[in-house]
Amino acid sequence: MAQNAKEPYSTRDKILKTALSLFSKKGYLGATTREIAKEAGLAEVTLFRYFPSKEMLFEEVINIHSFLPTLKGVLPDVKRMSYENALITIATRFLETLTLRKDLIRIMHSEIQRYPEKIQKIYHALIDETLKTLASYFSQMQKKEVMREFGVDFAAHAFLGMFFSYFNTEELLMRKKYRTANVDLLIKEFVEIFVKGTLK
């Protein structure tokens, strides 16, 4: 009985892991549910029992493997840190997540204009929720009178945007092939610039 209770989770996990791998290699448009099921060692009908559509499978893959779960997990810990150390931690985890998922990000960016509208909405809803989550942290810092008053949504855009810009240049545009960067120093400097511009 216990084994049967665990089986649906392990099958679901196997589907998601395989889907992540194939979406990262072939993109949303290139990977098919038949291929995902075959790679996972399942019948396609079994995949559809867990995810009734390819869109739902893709949505779950990006929700699980995006920065959002990491951000939500780290916020309770960073609330006990200094403002600067909290931002260093968030930035470090953000870049780690981007680097880990660079293949998926690269192919998503190349395909985004060809995605069905539903998939575009899923993608942008995830970005909006991530920005909203970070903005809630900035709002708390304003209530504690650590940060000066300004639009926290803009602050979330600016903070994640500068690190994504760095990631895009280094990883997606392959600048790192020609010049190595001290990532820890870069994070520290970027955070210091941001902190100096936002402290109350």
Protein backbone atom coordinates (compact mmCIF):
# COMPACT_ATOMS: atom_id res chain seq x y z
CA MET A 1 0.00 0.00 0.00
CA ALA A 2 2.81 2.42 0.87
CA GLN A 3 4.51 1.65 -2.45
CA ASN A 4 1.33 2.49 -4.37
CA ALA A 5 1.07 5.77 -2.48
CA LYS A 6 4.60 6.71 -3.55
CA GLU A 7 4.30 5.56 -7.18
CA PRO A 8 2.28 8.51 -8.56
CA TYR A 9 4.85 10.95 -7.20
CA SER A 10 7.81 9.05 -8.66
CA THR A 11 6.12 8.77 -12.06
CA ARG A 12 5.21 12.44 -12.03
CA ASP A 13 8.74 13.34 -11.02
CA LYS A 14 10.15 11.20 -13.83
CA ILE A 15 7.90 12.94 -16.36
CA LEU A 16 8.94 16.38 -15.15
CA LYS A 17 12.64 15.51 -15.14
CA THR A 18 12.44 14.13 -18.68
CA ALA A 19 10.36 17.07 -19.87
CA LEU A 20 12.92 19.52 -18.46
CA SER A 21 15.71 17.74 -20.31
CA LEU A 22 13.88 17.66 -23.65
CA PHE A 23 12.47 21.18 -23.40
CA SER A 24 16.02 22.36 -22.65
CA LYS A 25 17.36 20.58 -25.74
CA LYS A 26 14.52 21.01 -28.24
CA GLY A 27 12.36 23.77 -26.82
CA TYR A 28 8.63 23.80 -26.22
CA LEU A 29 7.91 23.62 -29.93
CA GLY A 30 10.40 20.85 -30.71
CA ALA A 31 9.72 18.44 -27.85
CA THR A 32 6.58 16.31 -28.17
CA THR A 33 4.60 14.58 -25.44
CA ARG A 34 5.12 11.28 -27.27
CA GLU A 35 8.88 11.78 -27.14
CA ILE A 36 8.82 12.86 -23.48
CA ALA A 37 6.78 9.80 -22.54
CA LYS A 38 9.08 7.47 -24.48
CA GLU A 39 12.21 8.94 -22.85
CA ALA A 40 10.57 8.55 -19.45
CA GLY A 41 9.77 4.91 -20.20
CA LEU A 42 6.03 5.49 -20.15
CA ALA A 43 3.07 5.28 -22.48
CA GLU A 44 1.87 8.68 -23.70
CA VAL A 45 -1.53 7.96 -22.20
CA THR A 46 0.16 7.68 -18.79
CA LEU A 47 1.77 11.10 -19.23
CA PHE A 48 -1.64 12.58 -20.02
CA ARG A 49 -3.06 11.17 -16.77
CA TYR A 50 -0.67 13.46 -14.92
CA PHE A 51 -0.60 16.36 -17.38
CA PRO A 52 -3.66 16.52 -19.66
CA SER A 53 -1.87 18.81 -22.12
CA LYS A 54 1.61 19.77 -23.23
CA GLU A 55 0.90 23.31 -22.04
CA MET A 56 0.17 22.11 -18.50
CA LEU A 57 3.35 20.03 -18.47
CA PHE A 58 5.46 22.96 -19.66
CA GLU A 59 3.87 25.28 -17.09
CA GLU A 60 4.73 22.88 -14.27
CA VAL A 61 8.31 22.44 -15.53
CA ILE A 62 9.03 26.18 -15.58
CA ASN A 63 7.22 26.77 -12.29
CA ILE A 64 9.30 24.12 -10.52
CA HIS A 65 12.64 24.93 -12.11
CA SER A 66 12.43 28.72 -12.24
CA PHE A 67 13.89 31.11 -9.68
CA LEU A 68 10.50 31.65 -8.02
CA PRO A 69 10.56 28.59 -5.68
CA THR A 70 14.16 29.41 -4.73
CA LEU A 71 13.27 33.02 -3.99
CA LYS A 72 10.27 32.05 -1.88
CA GLY A 73 12.44 29.57 0.01
CA VAL A 74 15.27 32.01 0.73
CA LEU A 75 13.20 35.04 1.81
CA PRO A 76 12.48 33.79 5.37
CA ASP A 77 16.24 33.38 5.91
CA VAL A 78 17.35 36.70 4.42
CA LYS A 79 14.91 38.62 6.59
CA ARG A 80 17.30 37.95 9.47
CA MET A 81 20.30 39.29 7.53
CA SER A 82 21.49 42.81 6.96
CA TYR A 83 19.99 44.48 3.90
CA GLU A 84 23.22 44.19 1.92
CA ASN A 85 23.89 40.55 2.84
CA ALA A 86 20.29 39.67 2.04
CA LEU A 87 20.64 41.12 -1.45
CA ILE A 88 23.96 39.35 -1.98
CA THR A 89 22.28 36.06 -1.07
CA ILE A 90 19.32 36.67 -3.38
CA ALA A 91 21.59 37.70 -6.26
CA THR A 92 23.86 34.70 -5.77
CA ARG A 93 20.95 32.26 -5.81
CA PHE A 94 19.43 34.03 -8.82
CA LEU A 95 22.60 33.69 -10.88
CA GLU A 96 23.02 30.07 -9.76
CA THR A 97 19.50 29.26 -10.95
CA LEU A 98 19.98 31.06 -14.26
CA THR A 99 23.27 29.26 -14.90
CA LEU A 100 21.77 25.88 -14.02
CA ARG A 101 18.85 26.46 -16.42
CA LYS A 102 20.75 28.32 -19.15
CA ASP A 103 19.90 25.80 -21.87
CA LEU A 104 16.19 26.10 -21.16
CA ILE A 105 16.41 29.90 -20.96
CA ARG A 106 18.36 30.13 -24.20
CA ILE A 107 15.89 28.07 -26.19
CA MET A 108 12.87 29.77 -24.61
CA HIS A 109 14.19 33.16 -25.63
CA SER A 110 14.80 31.99 -29.17
CA GLU A 111 11.26 30.58 -29.42
CA ILE A 112 9.23 33.08 -27.41
CA GLN A 113 7.79 34.97 -30.37
CA ARG A 114 6.57 31.71 -31.92
CA TYR A 115 4.94 30.40 -28.75
CA PRO A 116 1.16 30.04 -28.63
CA GLU A 117 -0.44 32.92 -26.72
CA LYS A 118 -1.26 30.63 -23.81
CA ILE A 119 2.40 29.70 -23.35
CA GLN A 120 3.48 33.34 -23.53
CA LYS A 121 0.98 34.16 -20.79
CA ILE A 122 2.31 31.33 -18.60
CA TYR A 123 5.87 32.59 -19.04
CA HIS A 124 5.06 36.20 -18.31
CA ALA A 125 2.86 35.31 -15.34
CA LEU A 126 5.86 33.53 -13.83
CA ILE A 127 8.05 36.59 -14.33
CA ASP A 128 5.37 38.83 -12.80
CA GLU A 129 5.03 36.57 -9.75
CA THR A 130 8.80 36.53 -9.24
CA LEU A 131 8.99 40.32 -9.38
CA LYS A 132 5.99 40.61 -7.06
CA THR A 133 7.64 38.28 -4.54
CA LEU A 134 10.87 40.29 -4.47
CA ALA A 135 8.87 43.53 -4.34
CA SER A 136 7.18 42.25 -1.17
CA TYR A 137 10.63 41.96 0.47
CA PHE A 138 11.46 45.53 -0.54
CA SER A 139 8.12 46.68 0.85
CA GLN A 140 9.02 45.14 4.21
CA MET A 141 12.37 46.93 4.15
CA GLN A 142 10.54 50.20 3.59
CA LYS A 143 8.26 49.53 6.55
CA LYS A 144 11.37 48.94 8.65
CA GLU A 145 12.70 52.26 7.30
CA VAL A 146 15.74 50.57 5.79
CA MET A 147 14.86 51.59 2.24
CA ARG A 148 13.65 54.97 1.12
CA GLU A 149 10.19 55.33 -0.38
CA PHE A 150 9.85 54.53 -4.09
CA GLY A 151 8.05 52.00 -6.26
CA VAL A 152 9.02 48.54 -5.03
CA ASP A 153 7.95 46.99 -8.32
CA PHE A 154 10.48 49.17 -10.12
CA ALA A 155 13.11 48.17 -7.57
CA ALA A 156 12.46 44.48 -8.20
CA HIS A 157 12.77 45.02 -11.95
CA ALA A 158 16.00 46.97 -11.52
CA PHE A 159 17.60 44.49 -9.13
CA LEU A 160 16.89 41.28 -11.02
CA GLY A 161 17.32 43.06 -14.33
CA MET A 162 20.93 44.03 -13.75
CA PHE A 163 21.87 40.46 -12.86
CA PHE A 164 19.93 38.99 -15.75
CA SER A 165 21.69 41.42 -18.07
CA TYR A 166 25.02 40.13 -16.79
CA PHE A 167 23.90 36.51 -17.22
CA ASN A 168 22.65 37.24 -20.73
CA THR A 169 25.97 38.76 -21.73
CA GLU A 170 28.14 36.10 -20.13
CA GLU A 171 26.17 32.93 -20.81
CA LEU A 172 23.79 33.54 -23.70
CA LEU A 173 26.04 35.84 -25.73
CA MET A 174 29.09 33.79 -24.69
CA ARG A 175 31.22 36.71 -23.52
CA LYS A 176 32.77 34.41 -20.90
CA LYS A 177 34.63 32.60 -23.70
CA TYR A 178 36.80 35.67 -24.17
CA ARG A 179 37.02 37.14 -20.70
CA THR A 180 36.55 35.62 -17.26
CA ALA A 181 34.72 37.53 -14.57
CA ASN A 182 34.96 37.39 -10.79
CA VAL A 183 31.30 36.63 -10.09
CA ASP A 184 31.51 37.13 -6.32
CA LEU A 185 33.09 40.55 -6.79
CA LEU A 186 30.54 41.48 -9.44
CA ILE A 187 27.65 40.56 -7.15
CA LYS A 188 29.16 42.54 -4.29
CA GLU A 189 29.70 45.63 -6.49
CA PHE A 190 26.26 45.48 -8.09
CA VAL A 191 24.60 45.08 -4.70
CA GLU A 192 26.60 47.98 -3.26
CA ILE A 193 25.47 50.23 -6.11
CA PHE A 194 21.87 49.18 -5.55
CA VAL A 195 22.04 49.58 -1.77
CA LYS A 196 23.55 53.06 -2.00
CA GLY A 197 20.75 54.09 -4.33
CA THR A 198 17.93 52.73 -2.18
CA LEU A 199 18.89 53.21 1.48
CA LYS A 200 16.73 55.59 3.43
